[in-house]
Amino acid sequence: MTAQFTGTTDAKSTFKVEPPSVLRLKLMLNGEVLKNEPCEVSFDGAAAVKKSADGSGFLQVPIPRGAKMAHVVLLQHKPVEHTLRLGVLSPVDSVTGQKLRLRQLGYYSGKLGQLGSEDADLKAALINFQRTHKLKESGTLDGPTQDALKKAYGC
């Protein structure tokens, strides 16, 4: 979006105004949507702000310009907390993309250290996700599961 402003000198300047980025998460735990869940959210170690998910379990918080990390604490489900790298998401058909999406949706609780390798936790998370979405429980990312994961996550 471009805006024009006229100054007292009658000079015209053009400014590019970007809409603010928003952290939008669907809060789920073990396949259950956490409606109206109170949370604390901080960015890059700054002071936390208190926000609540809406009636559909979505938490929306404006992201400060340049933020690289977000830390989210679910206040009614302590000690559930997640640290998120902002602006980084692998494709849904990669193991890393599956683990990150399933983790943020509340299905995957395995270690993220070896993101590129499949493990028993990933298979269990996929089965749980498939069960919740009434899909064939294969524990693998087949076409219908990939489509449902993209829809549930938003991309």
Protein backbone atom coordinates (compact mmCIF):
# COMPACT_ATOMS: atom_id res chain seq x y z
CA MET A 1 0.00 0.00 0.00
CA THR A 2 1.31 3.47 -0.79
CA ALA A 3 0.25 6.65 1.00
CA GLN A 4 0.87 10.27 0.06
CA PHE A 5 1.16 13.11 2.53
CA THR A 6 1.45 16.81 1.83
CA GLY A 7 3.79 18.72 4.13
CA THR A 8 3.83 22.40 5.04
CA THR A 9 6.34 23.02 2.26
CA ASP A 10 3.88 21.66 -0.30
CA ALA A 11 6.44 18.95 -1.06
CA LYS A 12 4.99 15.51 -1.68
CA SER A 13 6.57 12.38 -0.25
CA THR A 14 5.62 8.79 -0.89
CA PHE A 15 5.80 6.22 1.92
CA LYS A 16 5.37 2.49 1.65
CA VAL A 17 3.16 1.23 4.50
CA GLU A 18 3.20 -2.50 5.18
CA PRO A 19 0.41 -4.17 7.13
CA PRO A 20 1.60 -5.60 10.46
CA SER A 21 2.47 -9.28 10.62
CA VAL A 22 0.33 -11.41 12.92
CA LEU A 23 1.19 -14.60 14.78
CA ARG A 24 -1.88 -16.79 14.28
CA LEU A 25 -1.94 -20.16 16.01
CA LYS A 26 -4.69 -22.71 16.49
CA LEU A 27 -4.22 -23.96 20.03
CA MET A 28 -4.74 -27.69 20.40
CA LEU A 29 -3.56 -30.26 22.90
CA ASN A 30 -3.90 -33.99 22.17
CA GLY A 31 -6.33 -33.21 19.37
CA GLU A 32 -8.56 -31.02 21.59
CA VAL A 33 -9.13 -27.38 20.58
CA LEU A 34 -8.25 -25.06 23.46
CA LYS A 35 -11.05 -22.50 23.24
CA ASN A 36 -10.51 -19.18 25.06
CA GLU A 37 -7.17 -20.44 26.42
CA PRO A 38 -5.28 -17.67 28.28
CA CYS A 39 -1.64 -17.35 27.18
CA GLU A 40 1.48 -15.30 27.61
CA VAL A 41 3.33 -14.40 24.44
CA SER A 42 6.74 -12.78 24.14
CA PHE A 43 8.95 -11.97 21.18
CA ASP A 44 12.76 -12.15 21.23
CA GLY A 45 12.86 -12.25 25.03
CA ALA A 46 10.87 -9.02 25.55
CA ALA A 47 8.24 -8.76 28.27
CA ALA A 48 5.31 -11.14 27.79
CA VAL A 49 1.82 -9.93 26.97
CA LYS A 50 -1.31 -11.76 28.07
CA LYS A 51 -3.71 -12.77 25.31
CA SER A 52 -6.46 -15.38 24.97
CA ALA A 53 -7.45 -17.66 22.12
CA ASP A 54 -10.87 -17.04 20.63
CA GLY A 55 -13.84 -19.41 20.80
CA SER A 56 -12.39 -21.43 17.92
CA GLY A 57 -9.01 -21.84 19.62
CA PHE A 58 -7.17 -19.27 17.48
CA LEU A 59 -4.61 -17.01 19.14
CA GLN A 60 -3.70 -13.87 17.21
CA VAL A 61 -0.93 -11.51 18.31
CA PRO A 62 0.76 -8.72 16.30
CA ILE A 63 4.42 -9.52 15.62
CA PRO A 64 6.90 -6.71 16.28
CA ARG A 65 8.89 -5.75 13.18
CA GLY A 66 12.08 -7.79 12.92
CA ALA A 67 11.13 -10.37 15.56
CA LYS A 68 12.84 -13.74 15.08
CA MET A 69 11.42 -15.84 17.94
CA ALA A 70 8.09 -16.10 19.76
CA HIS A 71 7.54 -17.83 23.09
CA VAL A 72 3.98 -18.96 23.92
CA VAL A 73 2.91 -20.27 27.35
CA LEU A 74 -0.52 -21.84 27.82
CA LEU A 75 -1.60 -20.62 31.25
CA GLN A 76 -4.29 -23.22 31.99
CA HIS A 77 -2.16 -26.11 30.78
CA LYS A 78 1.20 -25.42 32.42
CA PRO A 79 3.90 -26.38 31.76
CA VAL A 80 2.90 -26.38 28.09
CA GLU A 81 5.01 -23.82 26.30
CA HIS A 82 6.52 -23.50 22.85
CA THR A 83 9.26 -21.43 21.31
CA LEU A 84 8.67 -20.68 17.65
CA ARG A 85 11.12 -19.51 15.01
CA LEU A 86 9.34 -16.86 12.99
CA GLY A 87 9.53 -16.79 9.22
CA VAL A 88 10.84 -20.35 8.94
CA LEU A 89 8.65 -23.21 7.72
CA SER A 90 9.67 -26.15 5.59
CA PRO A 91 7.30 -27.54 2.93
CA VAL A 92 4.49 -29.78 4.20
CA ASP A 93 5.80 -32.77 2.25
CA SER A 94 9.15 -32.71 4.11
CA VAL A 95 9.67 -34.48 7.44
CA THR A 96 10.71 -31.16 9.00
CA GLY A 97 7.55 -29.45 7.73
CA GLN A 98 5.39 -32.28 9.09
CA LYS A 99 7.00 -32.20 12.54
CA LEU A 100 6.77 -28.42 12.87
CA ARG A 101 3.13 -28.26 11.77
CA LEU A 102 2.08 -31.22 13.91
CA ARG A 103 3.93 -29.77 16.90
CA GLN A 104 2.27 -26.39 16.55
CA LEU A 105 -1.13 -28.08 16.20
CA GLY A 106 -0.51 -30.04 19.40
CA TYR A 107 0.07 -33.53 17.96
CA TYR A 108 3.86 -33.94 17.90
CA SER A 109 5.78 -33.83 21.15
CA GLY A 110 9.01 -35.50 20.03
CA LYS A 111 12.39 -33.87 19.87
CA LEU A 112 12.90 -31.33 17.15
CA GLY A 113 16.69 -31.68 17.22
CA GLN A 114 16.75 -34.17 14.35
CA LEU A 115 14.09 -32.53 12.25
CA GLY A 116 14.93 -34.33 9.03
CA SER A 117 14.54 -37.88 10.31
CA GLU A 118 11.35 -39.84 10.80
CA ASP A 119 10.76 -41.40 14.21
CA ALA A 120 8.15 -43.25 16.27
CA ASP A 121 6.88 -39.93 17.70
CA LEU A 122 6.19 -38.61 14.19
CA LYS A 123 4.33 -41.79 13.23
CA ALA A 124 2.24 -41.61 16.42
CA ALA A 125 1.49 -37.92 15.79
CA LEU A 126 0.39 -38.67 12.22
CA ILE A 127 -1.87 -41.50 13.41
CA ASN A 128 -3.41 -39.25 16.07
CA PHE A 129 -3.91 -36.47 13.51
CA GLN A 130 -5.44 -38.94 11.03
CA ARG A 131 -7.77 -40.31 13.72
CA THR A 132 -8.92 -36.81 14.69
CA HIS A 133 -9.59 -35.93 11.05
CA LYS A 134 -11.26 -39.27 10.26
CA LEU A 135 -8.59 -40.36 7.78
CA LYS A 136 -7.04 -43.77 7.16
CA GLU A 137 -4.63 -44.32 10.09
CA SER A 138 -1.41 -45.19 8.27
CA GLY A 139 1.11 -43.08 10.19
CA THR A 140 2.44 -41.77 6.89
CA LEU A 141 1.83 -38.53 5.02
CA ASP A 142 -0.40 -39.72 2.20
CA GLY A 143 -2.29 -37.29 -0.05
CA PRO A 144 -5.45 -36.91 2.08
CA THR A 145 -3.35 -36.46 5.25
CA GLN A 146 -1.16 -33.83 3.57
CA ASP A 147 -4.26 -31.94 2.39
CA ALA A 148 -5.83 -32.09 5.89
CA LEU A 149 -2.57 -30.97 7.53
CA LYS A 150 -2.28 -28.00 5.17
CA LYS A 151 -5.91 -27.07 5.87
CA ALA A 152 -5.59 -27.46 9.66
CA TYR A 153 -2.34 -25.46 9.78
CA GLY A 154 -3.33 -22.88 7.21
CA CYS A 155 -0.55 -23.63 4.68
